[in-house]
Amino acid sequence: MELATVITFVVYLIGMLAVGLAAYRLTSNLSDYVLGDVDSEVVWLL
């Protein structure tokens, strides 16, 4: 593999891990995960 491909892949993996960890820390229960921490009244309006 070329060096640029490896660097791009590693940066992508680090970015995906960062997004996953941030999402993990922002959700405290299943409702937060499913609704994206939106109030239930707002979901019913949609």
N, C-alpha and C. Protein backbone atom coordinates (compact mmCIF):
# COMPACT_ATOMS: atom_id res chain seq x y z
N MET A 1 0.83 -1.19 0.00
CA MET A 1 0.00 0.00 0.00
C MET A 1 0.87 1.24 0.00
N GLU A 2 0.33 2.27 -0.57
CA GLU A 2 1.07 3.53 -0.56
C GLU A 2 0.92 4.21 0.79
N LEU A 3 1.88 5.04 1.10
CA LEU A 3 1.88 5.73 2.39
C LEU A 3 0.67 6.64 2.55
N ALA A 4 0.27 7.33 1.50
CA ALA A 4 -0.88 8.23 1.57
C ALA A 4 -2.16 7.46 1.89
N THR A 5 -2.30 6.26 1.36
CA THR A 5 -3.48 5.44 1.63
C THR A 5 -3.51 5.01 3.08
N VAL A 6 -2.39 4.61 3.61
CA VAL A 6 -2.31 4.18 5.01
C VAL A 6 -2.61 5.35 5.94
N ILE A 7 -2.05 6.50 5.66
CA ILE A 7 -2.28 7.69 6.50
C ILE A 7 -3.76 8.07 6.47
N THR A 8 -4.36 8.06 5.29
CA THR A 8 -5.78 8.38 5.17
C THR A 8 -6.63 7.40 5.95
N PHE A 9 -6.32 6.13 5.87
CA PHE A 9 -7.07 5.11 6.59
C PHE A 9 -6.94 5.28 8.10
N VAL A 10 -5.76 5.56 8.59
CA VAL A 10 -5.54 5.74 10.03
C VAL A 10 -6.27 6.99 10.53
N VAL A 11 -6.22 8.07 9.77
CA VAL A 11 -6.93 9.30 10.16
C VAL A 11 -8.44 9.03 10.19
N TYR A 12 -8.94 8.28 9.22
CA TYR A 12 -10.36 7.93 9.18
C TYR A 12 -10.75 7.11 10.41
N LEU A 13 -9.96 6.11 10.76
CA LEU A 13 -10.26 5.29 11.94
C LEU A 13 -10.25 6.11 13.22
N ILE A 14 -9.28 6.98 13.36
CA ILE A 14 -9.22 7.84 14.55
C ILE A 14 -10.45 8.74 14.61
N GLY A 15 -10.85 9.29 13.47
CA GLY A 15 -12.04 10.14 13.43
C GLY A 15 -13.30 9.38 13.81
N MET A 16 -13.45 8.16 13.30
CA MET A 16 -14.63 7.36 13.62
C MET A 16 -14.65 6.97 15.10
N LEU A 17 -13.49 6.68 15.67
CA LEU A 17 -13.43 6.39 17.10
C LEU A 17 -13.80 7.62 17.92
N ALA A 18 -13.36 8.79 17.50
CA ALA A 18 -13.69 10.03 18.21
C ALA A 18 -15.19 10.29 18.17
N VAL A 19 -15.81 10.10 17.02
CA VAL A 19 -17.26 10.30 16.90
C VAL A 19 -18.00 9.28 17.76
N GLY A 20 -17.56 8.05 17.75
CA GLY A 20 -18.20 7.02 18.57
C GLY A 20 -18.09 7.29 20.05
N LEU A 21 -16.93 7.72 20.50
CA LEU A 21 -16.75 8.04 21.92
C LEU A 21 -17.59 9.24 22.33
N ALA A 22 -17.67 10.26 21.47
CA ALA A 22 -18.49 11.43 21.78
C ALA A 22 -19.97 11.04 21.87
N ALA A 23 -20.43 10.21 20.95
CA ALA A 23 -21.83 9.77 20.98
C ALA A 23 -22.09 8.91 22.21
N TYR A 24 -21.14 8.08 22.58
CA TYR A 24 -21.28 7.24 23.77
C TYR A 24 -21.42 8.09 25.03
N ARG A 25 -20.63 9.15 25.12
CA ARG A 25 -20.67 10.00 26.31
C ARG A 25 -21.93 10.86 26.37
N LEU A 26 -22.52 11.18 25.21
CA LEU A 26 -23.70 12.05 25.19
C LEU A 26 -25.01 11.29 25.40
N THR A 27 -24.99 9.97 25.30
CA THR A 27 -26.22 9.20 25.52
C THR A 27 -26.16 8.54 26.88
N SER A 28 -27.27 8.68 27.62
CA SER A 28 -27.29 8.09 28.96
C SER A 28 -28.27 6.92 29.05
N ASN A 29 -29.18 6.80 28.08
CA ASN A 29 -30.12 5.68 28.09
C ASN A 29 -30.57 5.39 26.66
N LEU A 30 -31.43 4.40 26.50
CA LEU A 30 -31.88 4.00 25.17
C LEU A 30 -32.70 5.10 24.50
N SER A 31 -33.46 5.84 25.28
CA SER A 31 -34.27 6.93 24.72
C SER A 31 -33.38 8.00 24.10
N ASP A 32 -32.30 8.35 24.76
CA ASP A 32 -31.35 9.32 24.19
C ASP A 32 -30.78 8.81 22.88
N TYR A 33 -30.47 7.53 22.84
CA TYR A 33 -29.89 6.94 21.63
C TYR A 33 -30.87 6.95 20.47
N VAL A 34 -32.10 6.51 20.72
CA VAL A 34 -33.10 6.38 19.66
C VAL A 34 -33.60 7.74 19.20
N LEU A 35 -33.90 8.63 20.14
CA LEU A 35 -34.50 9.92 19.80
C LEU A 35 -33.46 11.00 19.56
N GLY A 36 -32.22 10.73 19.82
CA GLY A 36 -31.20 11.76 19.65
C GLY A 36 -31.32 12.85 20.69
N ASP A 37 -31.82 12.52 21.88
CA ASP A 37 -31.98 13.44 23.00
C ASP A 37 -32.94 14.58 22.65
N VAL A 38 -34.01 14.25 21.92
CA VAL A 38 -35.04 15.23 21.57
C VAL A 38 -36.24 14.96 22.46
N ASP A 39 -36.91 16.02 22.90
CA ASP A 39 -38.11 15.84 23.72
C ASP A 39 -39.17 15.07 22.95
N SER A 40 -39.96 14.29 23.65
CA SER A 40 -40.96 13.46 22.99
C SER A 40 -42.05 14.29 22.33
N GLU A 41 -42.34 15.51 22.84
CA GLU A 41 -43.34 16.36 22.21
C GLU A 41 -42.91 16.77 20.81
N VAL A 42 -41.65 17.02 20.63
CA VAL A 42 -41.14 17.42 19.32
C VAL A 42 -41.25 16.27 18.34
N VAL A 43 -41.00 15.05 18.78
CA VAL A 43 -41.08 13.89 17.91
C VAL A 43 -42.52 13.69 17.45
N TRP A 44 -43.49 13.89 18.33
CA TRP A 44 -44.89 13.71 17.94
C TRP A 44 -45.32 14.75 16.92
N LEU A 45 -44.73 15.93 16.94
CA LEU A 45 -45.07 16.97 15.96
C LEU A 45 -44.56 16.62 14.58
N LEU A 46 -43.50 15.85 14.52
CA LEU A 46 -42.95 15.47 13.21
C LEU A 46 -43.84 14.45 12.56
